[in-house]
PDB file of N, CA and C in Angstrom:
ATOM      1  N   MET A   1       0.920  -1.331  -0.262  1.00  0.00           N
ATOM      2  CA  MET A   1      -0.023  -0.032   0.072  1.00  0.00           C
ATOM      3  C   MET A   1       0.730   1.262   0.252  1.00  0.00           C
ATOM      4  N   THR A   2       0.512   1.843  -0.809  1.00  0.00           N
ATOM      5  CA  THR A   2       1.362   3.453  -1.080  1.00  0.00           C
ATOM      6  C   THR A   2       0.147   4.565  -0.380  1.00  0.00           C
ATOM      7  N   GLU A   3       0.769   5.581   0.077  1.00  0.00           N
ATOM      8  CA  GLU A   3      -0.191   6.730   0.248  1.00  0.00           C
ATOM      9  C   GLU A   3       0.375   7.728   0.069  1.00  0.00           C
ATOM     10  N   LEU A   4      -0.318   8.851  -0.237  1.00  0.00           N
ATOM     11  CA  LEU A   4      -0.051   9.811  -0.948  1.00  0.00           C
ATOM     12  C   LEU A   4      -0.705  11.321  -0.216  1.00  0.00           C
ATOM     13  N   THR A   5       0.070  12.126   0.102  1.00  0.00           N
ATOM     14  CA  THR A   5      -1.048  12.958   0.922  1.00  0.00           C
ATOM     15  C   THR A   5      -1.097  14.814   0.218  1.00  0.00           C
ATOM     16  N   LEU A   6      -2.189  14.771  -0.408  1.00  0.00           N
ATOM     17  CA  LEU A   6      -2.345  16.005  -1.031  1.00  0.00           C
ATOM     18  C   LEU A   6      -2.057  17.538  -0.346  1.00  0.00           C
ATOM     19  N   PRO A   7      -1.570  18.159  -1.209  1.00  0.00           N
ATOM     20  CA  PRO A   7      -1.560  19.647  -0.293  1.00  0.00           C
ATOM     21  C   PRO A   7      -2.677  20.423  -0.137  1.00  0.00           C
ATOM     22  N   ARG A   8      -2.738  21.472   0.677  1.00  0.00           N
ATOM     23  CA  ARG A   8      -3.793  21.626   0.320  1.00  0.00           C
ATOM     24  C   ARG A   8      -4.372  22.823  -0.422  1.00  0.00           C
ATOM     25  N   LEU A   9      -3.649  23.397  -1.530  1.00  0.00           N
ATOM     26  CA  LEU A   9      -4.022  23.865  -2.876  1.00  0.00           C
ATOM     27  C   LEU A   9      -3.133  23.178  -3.849  1.00  0.00           C
ATOM     28  N   ALA A  10      -3.595  21.948  -4.800  1.00  0.00           N
ATOM     29  CA  ALA A  10      -2.952  21.550  -5.617  1.00  0.00           C
ATOM     30  C   ALA A  10      -3.220  22.197  -7.114  1.00  0.00           C
ATOM     31  N   GLY A  11      -2.566  22.346  -8.093  1.00  0.00           N
ATOM     32  CA  GLY A  11      -2.386  23.091  -8.617  1.00  0.00           C
ATOM     33  C   GLY A  11      -2.861  23.283 -10.418  1.00  0.00           C
ATOM     34  N   SER A  12      -1.527  21.915 -10.360  1.00  0.00           N
ATOM     35  CA  SER A  12      -1.052  21.371 -11.916  1.00  0.00           C
ATOM     36  C   SER A  12      -0.693  19.954 -12.256  1.00  0.00           C
ATOM     37  N   ARG A  13      -1.011  19.892 -13.494  1.00  0.00           N
ATOM     38  CA  ARG A  13      -0.767  18.225 -14.002  1.00  0.00           C
ATOM     39  C   ARG A  13       0.858  18.129 -13.270  1.00  0.00           C
ATOM     40  N   SER A  14       2.041  18.956 -13.377  1.00  0.00           N
ATOM     41  CA  SER A  14       3.189  18.808 -12.803  1.00  0.00           C
ATOM     42  C   SER A  14       3.281  18.558 -11.394  1.00  0.00           C
ATOM     43  N   ALA A  15       2.397  19.026 -10.793  1.00  0.00           N
ATOM     44  CA  ALA A  15       2.665  19.020  -9.173  1.00  0.00           C
ATOM     45  C   ALA A  15       1.996  17.804  -9.078  1.00  0.00           C
ATOM     46  N   ALA A  16       0.840  17.036  -9.753  1.00  0.00           N
ATOM     47  CA  ALA A  16       0.532  15.846  -9.571  1.00  0.00           C
ATOM     48  C   ALA A  16       1.199  15.066  -9.793  1.00  0.00           C
ATOM     49  N   ARG A  17       2.086  15.414 -10.798  1.00  0.00           N
ATOM     50  CA  ARG A  17       2.901  14.029 -11.423  1.00  0.00           C
ATOM     51  C   ARG A  17       4.122  14.044 -10.485  1.00  0.00           C
ATOM     52  N   SER A  18       4.533  15.154  -9.968  1.00  0.00           N
ATOM     53  CA  SER A  18       5.860  15.324  -8.713  1.00  0.00           C
ATOM     54  C   SER A  18       5.415  14.666  -7.709  1.00  0.00           C
ATOM     55  N   LEU A  19       4.029  14.888  -7.549  1.00  0.00           N
ATOM     56  CA  LEU A  19       3.467  13.820  -5.843  1.00  0.00           C
ATOM     57  C   LEU A  19       3.731  12.472  -6.056  1.00  0.00           C
ATOM     58  N   VAL A  20       3.248  12.056  -7.238  1.00  0.00           N
ATOM     59  CA  VAL A  20       3.120  10.721  -7.539  1.00  0.00           C
ATOM     60  C   VAL A  20       4.576  10.096  -7.590  1.00  0.00           C
ATOM     61  N   ARG A  21       5.596  10.911  -7.988  1.00  0.00           N
ATOM     62  CA  ARG A  21       6.963  10.474  -8.030  1.00  0.00           C
ATOM     63  C   ARG A  21       7.617  10.490  -6.788  1.00  0.00           C
ATOM     64  N   GLN A  22       7.156  10.543  -5.822  1.00  0.00           N
ATOM     65  CA  GLN A  22       7.686  10.856  -4.440  1.00  0.00           C
ATOM     66  C   GLN A  22       6.718   9.705  -3.608  1.00  0.00           C
ATOM     67  N   ALA A  23       6.001   8.730  -4.437  1.00  0.00           N
ATOM     68  CA  ALA A  23       5.386   8.008  -3.904  1.00  0.00           C
ATOM     69  C   ALA A  23       6.465   7.068  -2.481  1.00  0.00           C
ATOM     70  N   ASP A  24       6.038   6.512  -2.003  1.00  0.00           N
ATOM     71  CA  ASP A  24       6.710   5.680  -0.545  1.00  0.00           C
ATOM     72  C   ASP A  24       7.102   4.470  -1.068  1.00  0.00           C
ATOM     73  N   GLY A  25       6.474   3.780  -2.136  1.00  0.00           N
ATOM     74  CA  GLY A  25       6.539   2.343  -2.673  1.00  0.00           C
ATOM     75  C   GLY A  25       5.796   2.392  -4.261  1.00  0.00           C
ATOM     76  N   PRO A  26       6.336   1.059  -4.718  1.00  0.00           N
ATOM     77  CA  PRO A  26       5.732   0.848  -6.361  1.00  0.00           C
ATOM     78  C   PRO A  26       4.302   1.169  -6.303  1.00  0.00           C
ATOM     79  N   LEU A  27       3.767   1.734  -7.281  1.00  0.00           N
ATOM     80  CA  LEU A  27       2.006   1.441  -7.849  1.00  0.00           C
ATOM     81  C   LEU A  27       1.906   0.218  -8.466  1.00  0.00           C
ATOM     82  N   GLU A  28       2.578  -0.402  -9.141  1.00  0.00           N
ATOM     83  CA  GLU A  28       2.302  -1.478  -9.996  1.00  0.00           C
ATOM     84  C   GLU A  28       1.352  -2.560  -8.919  1.00  0.00           C
ATOM     85  N   GLY A  29       0.101  -2.649  -9.429  1.00  0.00           N
ATOM     86  CA  GLY A  29      -0.619  -3.897  -8.603  1.00  0.00           C
ATOM     87  C   GLY A  29      -0.864  -3.386  -7.038  1.00  0.00           C
ATOM     88  N   GLY A  30      -0.342  -2.333  -7.016  1.00  0.00           N
ATOM     89  CA  GLY A  30      -0.893  -2.021  -5.212  1.00  0.00           C
ATOM     90  C   GLY A  30      -2.056  -1.085  -5.136  1.00  0.00           C
ATOM     91  N   ILE A  31      -2.205  -0.928  -3.830  1.00  0.00           N
ATOM     92  CA  ILE A  31      -3.138   0.286  -3.524  1.00  0.00           C
ATOM     93  C   ILE A  31      -2.986   1.135  -3.456  1.00  0.00           C
ATOM     94  N   VAL A  32      -3.384   2.351  -4.062  1.00  0.00           N
ATOM     95  CA  VAL A  32      -2.582   3.571  -3.423  1.00  0.00           C
ATOM     96  C   VAL A  32      -4.004   4.743  -3.003  1.00  0.00           C
ATOM     97  N   ILE A  33      -3.612   4.690  -1.404  1.00  0.00           N
ATOM     98  CA  ILE A  33      -4.492   5.865  -0.871  1.00  0.00           C
ATOM     99  C   ILE A  33      -4.041   7.474  -1.107  1.00  0.00           C
ATOM    100  N   VAL A  34      -5.314   7.741  -1.117  1.00  0.00           N
ATOM    101  CA  VAL A  34      -4.780   9.457  -1.543  1.00  0.00           C
ATOM    102  C   VAL A  34      -5.610  10.425  -0.348  1.00  0.00           C
ATOM    103  N   ASP A  35      -4.551  10.927   0.247  1.00  0.00           N
ATOM    104  CA  ASP A  35      -5.093  11.454   1.791  1.00  0.00           C
ATOM    105  C   ASP A  35      -5.750  13.142   1.640  1.00  0.00           C
ATOM    106  N   CYS A  36      -6.694  13.190   1.406  1.00  0.00           N
ATOM    107  CA  CYS A  36      -6.949  14.523   0.955  1.00  0.00           C
ATOM    108  C   CYS A  36      -7.664  15.461   2.011  1.00  0.00           C
ATOM    109  N   ARG A  37      -7.609  15.313   3.058  1.00  0.00           N
ATOM    110  CA  ARG A  37      -7.990  15.640   4.562  1.00  0.00           C
ATOM    111  C   ARG A  37      -7.764  17.272   4.492  1.00  0.00           C
ATOM    112  N   GLU A  38      -6.471  17.540   3.619  1.00  0.00           N
ATOM    113  CA  GLU A  38      -5.968  19.288   4.129  1.00  0.00           C
ATOM    114  C   GLU A  38      -6.666  19.934   2.640  1.00  0.00           C
ATOM    115  N   LEU A  39      -6.693  19.145   1.462  1.00  0.00           N
ATOM    116  CA  LEU A  39      -7.290  19.602   0.029  1.00  0.00           C
ATOM    117  C   LEU A  39      -8.212  20.651   0.081  1.00  0.00           C
ATOM    118  N   ARG A  40      -8.061  21.838  -0.043  1.00  0.00           N
ATOM    119  CA  ARG A  40      -9.084  22.819  -0.091  1.00  0.00           C
ATOM    120  C   ARG A  40      -9.518  23.187  -1.813  1.00  0.00           C
ATOM    121  N   SER A  41      -8.208  23.083  -2.624  1.00  0.00           N
ATOM    122  CA  SER A  41      -8.460  23.515  -3.953  1.00  0.00           C
ATOM    123  C   SER A  41      -7.527  22.790  -5.004  1.00  0.00           C
ATOM    124  N   ALA A  42      -8.660  22.125  -5.866  1.00  0.00           N
ATOM    125  CA  ALA A  42      -7.617  21.561  -7.023  1.00  0.00           C
ATOM    126  C   ALA A  42      -8.578  21.377  -8.232  1.00  0.00           C
ATOM    127  N   PRO A  43      -7.789  21.731  -9.182  1.00  0.00           N
ATOM    128  CA  PRO A  43      -8.368  21.593 -10.616  1.00  0.00           C
ATOM    129  C   PRO A  43      -8.713  20.554 -11.250  1.00  0.00           C
ATOM    130  N   PRO A  44      -9.613  20.057 -12.034  1.00  0.00           N
ATOM    131  CA  PRO A  44     -10.016  18.965 -12.786  1.00  0.00           C
ATOM    132  C   PRO A  44      -8.532  18.549 -13.504  1.00  0.00           C
ATOM    133  N   SER A  45      -7.842  19.239 -13.939  1.00  0.00           N
ATOM    134  CA  SER A  45      -7.025  19.072 -14.427  1.00  0.00           C
ATOM    135  C   SER A  45      -5.862  17.891 -13.674  1.00  0.00           C
ATOM    136  N   PHE A  46      -6.042  18.363 -12.421  1.00  0.00           N
ATOM    137  CA  PHE A  46      -4.880  17.837 -11.316  1.00  0.00           C
ATOM    138  C   PHE A  46      -5.282  16.347 -10.762  1.00  0.00           C
ATOM    139  N   ALA A  47      -6.941  16.175 -10.715  1.00  0.00           N
ATOM    140  CA  ALA A  47      -7.107  15.020 -10.538  1.00  0.00           C
ATOM    141  C   ALA A  47      -6.712  13.963 -11.620  1.00  0.00           C
ATOM    142  N   ASP A  48      -7.265  14.627 -13.150  1.00  0.00           N
ATOM    143  CA  ASP A  48      -6.843  13.691 -13.959  1.00  0.00           C
ATOM    144  C   ASP A  48      -5.770  13.180 -14.403  1.00  0.00           C
ATOM    145  N   GLU A  49      -4.653  13.947 -13.783  1.00  0.00           N
ATOM    146  CA  GLU A  49      -2.996  13.612 -13.915  1.00  0.00           C
ATOM    147  C   GLU A  49      -2.922  12.615 -12.977  1.00  0.00           C
ATOM    148  N   LEU A  50      -3.547  12.719 -11.467  1.00  0.00           N
ATOM    149  CA  LEU A  50      -3.816  11.645 -10.805  1.00  0.00           C
ATOM    150  C   LEU A  50      -3.971  10.089 -10.900  1.00  0.00           C
ATOM    151  N   VAL A  51      -5.261  10.039 -11.984  1.00  0.00           N
ATOM    152  CA  VAL A  51      -5.828   8.847 -12.339  1.00  0.00           C
ATOM    153  C   VAL A  51      -4.597   8.698 -13.308  1.00  0.00           C
ATOM    154  N   LYS A  52      -4.619   9.330 -14.101  1.00  0.00           N
ATOM    155  CA  LYS A  52      -3.683   8.977 -15.213  1.00  0.00           C
ATOM    156  C   LYS A  52      -2.152   8.440 -14.519  1.00  0.00           C
ATOM    157  N   ALA A  53      -1.206   9.247 -13.743  1.00  0.00           N
ATOM    158  CA  ALA A  53      -0.311   8.540 -13.410  1.00  0.00           C
ATOM    159  C   ALA A  53      -0.109   7.200 -12.162  1.00  0.00           C
ATOM    160  N   ILE A  54      -1.488   7.292 -11.696  1.00  0.00           N
ATOM    161  CA  ILE A  54      -1.505   6.282 -10.555  1.00  0.00           C
ATOM    162  C   ILE A  54      -2.299   4.834 -11.142  1.00  0.00           C
ATOM    163  N   LEU A  55      -3.241   5.061 -12.027  1.00  0.00           N
ATOM    164  CA  LEU A  55      -4.348   4.081 -12.741  1.00  0.00           C
ATOM    165  C   LEU A  55      -4.094   3.443 -13.912  1.00  0.00           C
ATOM    166  N   VAL A  56      -3.562   4.708 -14.577  1.00  0.00           N
ATOM    167  CA  VAL A  56      -3.269   4.236 -16.017  1.00  0.00           C
ATOM    168  C   VAL A  56      -1.776   3.843 -16.444  1.00  0.00           C
ATOM    169  N   GLU A  57      -1.081   4.711 -16.230  1.00  0.00           N
ATOM    170  CA  GLU A  57       0.213   4.629 -16.533  1.00  0.00           C
ATOM    171  C   GLU A  57       1.248   3.592 -15.032  1.00  0.00           C
ATOM    172  N   GLY A  58       0.529   3.971 -13.738  1.00  0.00           N
ATOM    173  CA  GLY A  58       1.222   3.163 -12.657  1.00  0.00           C
ATOM    174  C   GLY A  58       0.831   2.190 -12.363  1.00  0.00           C
ATOM    175  N   CYS A  59      -0.501   1.555 -13.078  1.00  0.00           N
ATOM    176  CA  CYS A  59      -1.261   0.107 -13.351  1.00  0.00           C
ATOM    177  C   CYS A  59      -1.106  -0.199 -11.644  1.00  0.00           C
ATOM    178  N   ALA A  60      -1.821   1.045 -10.729  1.00  0.00           N
ATOM    179  CA  ALA A  60      -2.144   0.369  -9.344  1.00  0.00           C
ATOM    180  C   ALA A  60      -3.414  -0.470  -9.572  1.00  0.00           C
ATOM    181  N   ALA A  61      -3.627  -1.124  -8.310  1.00  0.00           N
ATOM    182  CA  ALA A  61      -4.835  -2.024  -8.235  1.00  0.00           C
ATOM    183  C   ALA A  61      -6.054  -1.362  -8.251  1.00  0.00           C
ATOM    184  N   SER A  62      -5.969  -0.229  -7.624  1.00  0.00           N
ATOM    185  CA  SER A  62      -6.811   1.110  -7.425  1.00  0.00           C
ATOM    186  C   SER A  62      -6.500   2.307  -6.308  1.00  0.00           C
ATOM    187  N   LEU A  63      -7.133   3.148  -6.244  1.00  0.00           N
ATOM    188  CA  LEU A  63      -6.854   4.433  -5.962  1.00  0.00           C
ATOM    189  C   LEU A  63      -7.887   4.606  -4.826  1.00  0.00           C
ATOM    190  N   THR A  64      -7.692   5.034  -3.418  1.00  0.00           N
ATOM    191  CA  THR A  64      -8.968   5.397  -2.752  1.00  0.00           C
ATOM    192  C   THR A  64      -8.638   6.763  -2.179  1.00  0.00           C
ATOM    193  N   LEU A  65      -9.561   7.333  -2.189  1.00  0.00           N
ATOM    194  CA  LEU A  65      -9.536   8.777  -2.157  1.00  0.00           C
ATOM    195  C   LEU A  65     -10.046   8.639  -0.430  1.00  0.00           C
ATOM    196  N   ARG A  66      -9.379   9.411   0.533  1.00  0.00           N
ATOM    197  CA  ARG A  66      -9.610   9.387   1.739  1.00  0.00           C
ATOM    198  C   ARG A  66      -9.865  10.934   1.981  1.00  0.00           C
ATOM    199  N   ASP A  67     -11.200  11.123   2.825  1.00  0.00           N
ATOM    200  CA  ASP A  67     -11.813  12.609   3.243  1.00  0.00           C
ATOM    201  C   ASP A  67     -11.922  13.697   2.171  1.00  0.00           C
ATOM    202  N   ALA A  68     -11.958  13.254   0.894  1.00  0.00           N
ATOM    203  CA  ALA A  68     -11.960  14.299  -0.101  1.00  0.00           C
ATOM    204  C   ALA A  68     -13.097  15.007  -0.403  1.00  0.00           C
ATOM    205  N   SER A  69     -13.058  16.169  -0.683  1.00  0.00           N
ATOM    206  CA  SER A  69     -14.408  16.790  -0.864  1.00  0.00           C
ATOM    207  C   SER A  69     -15.345  16.553  -2.295  1.00  0.00           C
ATOM    208  N   GLU A  70     -16.505  16.522  -2.286  1.00  0.00           N
ATOM    209  CA  GLU A  70     -17.480  16.000  -3.483  1.00  0.00           C
ATOM    210  C   GLU A  70     -17.173  16.265  -4.668  1.00  0.00           C
ATOM    211  N   GLU A  71     -16.696  17.709  -4.469  1.00  0.00           N
ATOM    212  CA  GLU A  71     -15.684  18.307  -5.888  1.00  0.00           C
ATOM    213  C   GLU A  71     -15.061  17.111  -6.692  1.00  0.00           C
ATOM    214  N   PHE A  72     -13.745  17.120  -5.733  1.00  0.00           N
ATOM    215  CA  PHE A  72     -12.784  16.479  -5.832  1.00  0.00           C
ATOM    216  C   PHE A  72     -13.148  15.133  -6.446  1.00  0.00           C
ATOM    217  N   ILE A  73     -14.381  14.503  -5.442  1.00  0.00           N
ATOM    218  CA  ILE A  73     -14.487  13.000  -6.041  1.00  0.00           C
ATOM    219  C   ILE A  73     -15.400  13.312  -7.333  1.00  0.00           C
ATOM    220  N   ARG A  74     -15.860  14.258  -7.596  1.00  0.00           N
ATOM    221  CA  ARG A  74     -16.684  13.948  -9.004  1.00  0.00           C
ATOM    222  C   ARG A  74     -15.313  14.355  -9.859  1.00  0.00           C
ATOM    223  N   TYR A  75     -14.408  15.026  -9.560  1.00  0.00           N
ATOM    224  CA  TYR A  75     -13.537  15.421 -10.881  1.00  0.00           C
ATOM    225  C   TYR A  75     -12.788  13.696 -10.922  1.00  0.00           C
ATOM    226  N   VAL A  76     -12.524  13.422  -9.868  1.00  0.00           N
ATOM    227  CA  VAL A  76     -11.556  11.919 -10.022  1.00  0.00           C
ATOM    228  C   VAL A  76     -12.521  10.730 -10.538  1.00  0.00           C
ATOM    229  N   ARG A  77     -13.877  10.940 -10.527  1.00  0.00           N
ATOM    230  CA  ARG A  77     -14.640  10.199 -11.083  1.00  0.00           C
ATOM    231  C   ARG A  77     -14.656  10.079 -12.550  1.00  0.00           C
ATOM    232  N   GLU A  78     -14.735  11.615 -13.253  1.00  0.00           N
ATOM    233  CA  GLU A  78     -15.216  12.000 -14.456  1.00  0.00           C
ATOM    234  C   GLU A  78     -13.545  11.341 -15.289  1.00  0.00           C
ATOM    235  N   SER A  79     -12.824  11.696 -14.744  1.00  0.00           N
ATOM    236  CA  SER A  79     -11.368  11.176 -15.104  1.00  0.00           C
ATOM    237  C   SER A  79     -11.141   9.611 -15.533  1.00  0.00           C
ATOM    238  N   ALA A  80     -11.549   8.957 -14.881  1.00  0.00           N
ATOM    239  CA  ALA A  80     -11.400   7.358 -14.393  1.00  0.00           C
ATOM    240  C   ALA A  80     -12.655   7.350 -15.607  1.00  0.00           C
ATOM    241  N   ALA A  81     -13.819   7.804 -15.481  1.00  0.00           N
ATOM    242  CA  ALA A  81     -14.549   7.330 -16.630  1.00  0.00           C
ATOM    243  C   ALA A  81     -13.849   7.509 -18.210  1.00  0.00           C
ATOM    244  N   SER A  82     -13.661   8.761 -18.514  1.00  0.00           N
ATOM    245  CA  SER A  82     -13.473   9.196 -19.456  1.00  0.00           C
ATOM    246  C   SER A  82     -11.701   8.185 -19.997  1.00  0.00           C
ATOM    247  N   ARG A  83     -11.402   7.943 -19.018  1.00  0.00           N
ATOM    248  CA  ARG A  83      -9.848   6.952 -19.403  1.00  0.00           C
ATOM    249  C   ARG A  83     -10.112   5.856 -19.578  1.00  0.00           C
ATOM    250  N   LYS A  84     -11.326   5.148 -19.207  1.00  0.00           N
ATOM    251  CA  LYS A  84     -12.325   4.129 -19.476  1.00  0.00           C
ATOM    252  C   LYS A  84     -11.519   2.892 -18.095  1.00  0.00           C
ATOM    253  N   VAL A  85     -11.209   3.758 -17.143  1.00  0.00           N
ATOM    254  CA  VAL A  85     -10.851   2.865 -15.945  1.00  0.00           C
ATOM    255  C   VAL A  85     -11.692   2.309 -14.850  1.00  0.00           C
ATOM    256  N   PRO A  86     -12.132   0.860 -14.657  1.00  0.00           N
ATOM    257  CA  PRO A  86     -13.072   0.299 -14.498  1.00  0.00           C
ATOM    258  C   PRO A  86     -13.367   1.266 -12.689  1.00  0.00           C
ATOM    259  N   ALA A  87     -14.979   1.440 -12.677  1.00  0.00           N
ATOM    260  CA  ALA A  87     -15.335   2.296 -11.196  1.00  0.00           C
ATOM    261  C   ALA A  87     -14.646   1.560 -10.337  1.00  0.00           C
ATOM    262  N   GLY A  88     -14.837  -0.055  -9.903  1.00  0.00           N
ATOM    263  CA  GLY A  88     -14.259  -0.559  -9.156  1.00  0.00           C
ATOM    264  C   GLY A  88     -12.770  -0.314  -8.754  1.00  0.00           C
ATOM    265  N   LYS A  89     -12.271   0.318  -9.563  1.00  0.00           N
ATOM    266  CA  LYS A  89     -11.173   0.765  -8.942  1.00  0.00           C
ATOM    267  C   LYS A  89     -10.497   1.598  -8.912  1.00  0.00           C
ATOM    268  N   VAL A  90     -11.610   2.776  -8.058  1.00  0.00           N
ATOM    269  CA  VAL A  90     -11.841   4.197  -7.628  1.00  0.00           C
ATOM    270  C   VAL A  90     -12.697   4.066  -6.176  1.00  0.00           C
ATOM    271  N   ASP A  91     -12.154   4.157  -5.288  1.00  0.00           N
ATOM    272  CA  ASP A  91     -12.741   4.212  -4.248  1.00  0.00           C
ATOM    273  C   ASP A  91     -12.988   5.213  -3.289  1.00  0.00           C
ATOM    274  N   VAL A  92     -13.793   5.448  -2.318  1.00  0.00           N
ATOM    275  CA  VAL A  92     -13.952   6.551  -1.154  1.00  0.00           C
ATOM    276  C   VAL A  92     -14.044   6.374  -0.168  1.00  0.00           C
ATOM    277  N   VAL A  93     -13.056   6.849   0.694  1.00  0.00           N
ATOM    278  CA  VAL A  93     -13.390   6.432   2.172  1.00  0.00           C
ATOM    279  C   VAL A  93     -13.559   8.137   2.861  1.00  0.00           C
ATOM    280  N   THR A  94     -14.218   7.894   4.059  1.00  0.00           N
ATOM    281  CA  THR A  94     -14.826   9.248   4.931  1.00  0.00           C
ATOM    282  C   THR A  94     -13.853   9.216   6.051  1.00  0.00           C
ATOM    283  N   ALA A  95     -14.157  10.163   6.939  1.00  0.00           N
ATOM    284  CA  ALA A  95     -13.446  10.285   8.300  1.00  0.00           C
ATOM    285  C   ALA A  95     -14.177   9.333   9.139  1.00  0.00           C
ATOM    286  N   LEU A  96     -15.343   8.998   8.540  1.00  0.00           N
ATOM    287  CA  LEU A  96     -15.713   7.741   9.445  1.00  0.00           C
ATOM    288  C   LEU A  96     -15.916   6.480   9.204  1.00  0.00           C
ATOM    289  N   GLY A  97     -15.186   6.090   8.448  1.00  0.00           N
ATOM    290  CA  GLY A  97     -14.450   5.145   7.883  1.00  0.00           C
ATOM    291  C   GLY A  97     -15.569   4.528   6.445  1.00  0.00           C
ATOM    292  N   GLN A  98     -16.456   5.179   6.639  1.00  0.00           N
ATOM    293  CA  GLN A  98     -17.389   4.787   5.480  1.00  0.00           C
ATOM    294  C   GLN A  98     -16.848   4.304   4.000  1.00  0.00           C
ATOM    295  N   SER A  99     -17.040   3.363   3.399  1.00  0.00           N
ATOM    296  CA  SER A  99     -16.553   3.218   2.111  1.00  0.00           C
ATOM    297  C   SER A  99     -17.451   3.157   1.041  1.00  0.00           C
ATOM    298  N   GLY A 100     -17.270   3.437   0.045  1.00  0.00           N
ATOM    299  CA  GLY A 100     -18.032   2.925  -0.968  1.00  0.00           C
ATOM    300  C   GLY A 100     -17.273   3.246  -2.806  1.00  0.00           C
ATOM    301  N   ILE A 101     -17.613   2.564  -3.350  1.00  0.00           N
ATOM    302  CA  ILE A 101     -17.140   2.311  -4.878  1.00  0.00           C
ATOM    303  C   ILE A 101     -17.461   3.969  -5.438  1.00  0.00           C
ATOM    304  N   ALA A 102     -16.821   4.492  -6.132  1.00  0.00           N
ATOM    305  CA  ALA A 102     -16.960   5.451  -6.757  1.00  0.00           C
ATOM    306  C   ALA A 102     -17.581   5.240  -7.968  1.00  0.00           C
ATOM    307  N   ALA A 103     -18.358   5.165  -8.599  1.00  0.00           N
ATOM    308  CA  ALA A 103     -19.396   5.000  -9.743  1.00  0.00           C
ATOM    309  C   ALA A 103     -19.225   5.947 -11.010  1.00  0.00           C
ATOM    310  N   SER A 104     -19.366   5.318 -11.715  1.00  0.00           N
ATOM    311  CA  SER A 104     -18.962   6.628 -12.528  1.00  0.00           C
ATOM    312  C   SER A 104     -20.179   6.953 -13.458  1.00  0.00           C
TER     313      SER A 104
END
């Protein structure tokens, strides 16, 4: 399992790539948890690059968003759908520990 913590303000595709490059373990075949607790603002392009780098190019088994805003969840869902990533590869976990597959 690899965990990435998003900054308060996430801005660009290159920032997303840089964050993924700093991952503490291999992505391929693994579970990647993206901690969104501090995130206050991120454009759709940032979410799209995370999906691309983690699930498409990184070949991770799944991406779990922890404590993400509804807006960021929507961005990730839309990106995953447009990239033909199976909906079951994106999961959402809230502070209360509730989990649910993020349907596209």
